[in-house]
Every structure is written in C-alpha cells, then in structure tokens.
Amino acid sequence: MTDRIRERHYPQYLAPEEEVARAMALNEKQAQIGDKSVLRVYEPRLLPVSPYLMNWRELGKADDSISDLMYENRDNKQLYGSLAVLRTIVIEERIKKERSGH
C-alpha cells in the first residue's frame, strides 16, 4: 500500500532504500563543506507504513490507494478481504484524527 501511495501521490520520492542512500550521500557531501554555518542535515523522505502513524491527509491517500487495490484484486477473495480490513482501520483512524482536529 505504501508503494502505491508513493507511486501515485509522491512520484518524486525514491524507493525507501534509495531515499536513505540519497540522504546519506547528501550528508556526506555536506560534511565536506568547510563553512559549518550552511550545514544542513538531510533526512530520507519516507512515508509511514502504519495507518496509526499517518496524518489525516496521508490516511486519505491510503484510503484511495486501498480502494484502487481492492478494485484491481476484486477476483482474489483473500487479498480483497485483507484490503477491506485494512481499509476499515484506515477509515477509523481518519475519523479519530478528524475529530481531534487533524
């Protein structure tokens, strides 16, 4: 699901392993700069993999992605059922975040 969200909504993001490598390379390049006043620490751009860690907006994107996956796999009863359970969790978490003000 996270891969689908990344592909659909964050096409500029690399795969998680590549994001970590990119951040490490940028940090190494930064370490070589003599002027520490312009030093910047790069963090990999990673998406949460658990609905419990996602914010309200990410939960909406997760819901869309799950719906797409459910449609694509409507003939696979086992996968469809698993996705339905995951979608229920995502919807419940989104409602909780909405009630708490995002």
Protein backbone atom coordinates (compact mmCIF):
# COMPACT_ATOMS: atom_id res chain seq x y z
CA MET A 1 0.00 0.00 0.00
CA THR A 2 2.80 2.41 0.86
CA ASP A 3 4.39 1.77 -2.53
CA ARG A 4 1.10 2.59 -4.24
CA ILE A 5 0.78 5.84 -2.26
CA ARG A 6 4.37 6.76 -3.15
CA GLU A 7 3.86 5.99 -6.85
CA ARG A 8 0.55 7.82 -7.09
CA HIS A 9 0.98 10.84 -4.80
CA TYR A 10 4.74 11.25 -4.35
CA PRO A 11 6.36 10.33 -7.68
CA GLN A 12 9.43 12.40 -6.80
CA TYR A 13 10.20 10.10 -3.85
CA LEU A 14 12.57 7.22 -4.43
CA ALA A 15 12.19 3.72 -3.02
CA PRO A 16 12.90 3.73 0.75
CA GLU A 17 16.36 2.16 0.35
CA GLU A 18 17.26 4.71 -2.32
CA GLU A 19 15.95 7.59 -0.19
CA VAL A 20 18.18 6.53 2.70
CA ALA A 21 21.19 6.24 0.37
CA ARG A 22 20.39 9.66 -1.13
CA ALA A 23 20.20 11.29 2.31
CA MET A 24 23.46 9.66 3.39
CA ALA A 25 25.22 10.86 0.22
CA LEU A 26 23.93 14.41 0.69
CA ASN A 27 25.01 14.39 4.34
CA GLU A 28 28.49 13.20 3.36
CA LYS A 29 28.69 16.00 0.80
CA GLN A 30 27.58 18.48 3.46
CA ALA A 31 30.25 17.23 5.87
CA GLN A 32 32.92 18.19 3.32
CA ILE A 33 31.83 21.84 3.34
CA GLY A 34 34.18 23.93 5.42
CA ASP A 35 31.61 26.54 6.44
CA LYS A 36 29.52 24.98 9.22
CA SER A 37 27.03 27.89 9.15
CA VAL A 38 25.47 26.48 5.95
CA LEU A 39 25.48 22.90 7.18
CA ARG A 40 22.18 21.11 6.63
CA VAL A 41 21.17 17.64 7.80
CA TYR A 42 19.23 15.66 5.20
CA GLU A 43 16.59 13.17 6.28
CA PRO A 44 15.25 10.49 3.94
CA ARG A 45 11.75 11.22 2.66
CA LEU A 46 9.92 8.15 3.97
CA LEU A 47 6.20 7.58 4.23
CA PRO A 48 4.66 5.99 7.32
CA VAL A 49 3.88 2.33 6.79
CA SER A 50 1.27 2.08 9.54
CA PRO A 51 -2.12 3.80 9.48
CA TYR A 52 -1.58 4.62 13.15
CA LEU A 53 1.43 6.78 12.22
CA MET A 54 -0.18 8.57 9.26
CA ASN A 55 -1.66 12.03 9.46
CA TRP A 56 -5.18 12.83 8.25
CA ARG A 57 -4.09 13.73 4.71
CA GLU A 58 -1.95 10.60 4.35
CA LEU A 59 -4.86 8.47 5.57
CA GLY A 60 -6.99 9.90 2.77
CA LYS A 61 -4.36 8.94 0.24
CA ALA A 62 -4.09 5.50 1.81
CA ASP A 63 -7.86 5.06 1.53
CA ASP A 64 -7.73 5.97 -2.17
CA SER A 65 -4.86 3.57 -2.78
CA ILE A 66 -6.58 0.73 -0.94
CA SER A 67 -9.76 1.32 -2.93
CA ASP A 68 -7.74 1.08 -6.16
CA LEU A 69 -6.06 -2.11 -4.99
CA MET A 70 -9.41 -3.60 -3.97
CA TYR A 71 -10.81 -2.88 -7.42
CA GLU A 72 -7.78 -4.36 -9.15
CA ASN A 73 -7.93 -7.50 -6.99
CA ARG A 74 -11.69 -7.94 -6.76
CA ASP A 75 -11.40 -11.54 -8.00
CA ASN A 76 -8.86 -12.52 -5.32
CA LYS A 77 -11.15 -13.06 -2.33
CA GLN A 78 -8.38 -13.46 0.24
CA LEU A 79 -6.49 -10.31 -0.78
CA TYR A 80 -9.74 -8.39 -1.18
CA GLY A 81 -10.75 -9.37 2.37
CA SER A 82 -7.37 -8.30 3.78
CA LEU A 83 -7.60 -4.98 1.99
CA ALA A 84 -11.14 -4.47 3.30
CA VAL A 85 -9.91 -4.94 6.87
CA LEU A 86 -7.02 -2.53 6.28
CA ARG A 87 -9.39 0.00 4.74
CA THR A 88 -11.63 -0.20 7.82
CA ILE A 89 -8.64 0.57 10.04
CA VAL A 90 -7.63 3.50 7.83
CA ILE A 91 -11.16 4.93 7.87
CA GLU A 92 -11.43 4.57 11.66
CA GLU A 93 -8.06 6.28 12.16
CA ARG A 94 -9.04 9.08 9.79
CA ILE A 95 -12.27 9.67 11.73
CA LYS A 96 -10.28 9.78 15.01
CA LYS A 97 -7.83 12.32 13.55
CA GLU A 98 -10.69 14.38 12.11
CA ARG A 99 -12.41 14.54 15.50
CA SER A 100 -9.18 15.58 17.19
CA GLY A 101 -8.64 18.37 14.68
CA HIS A 102 -6.26 16.56 12.28
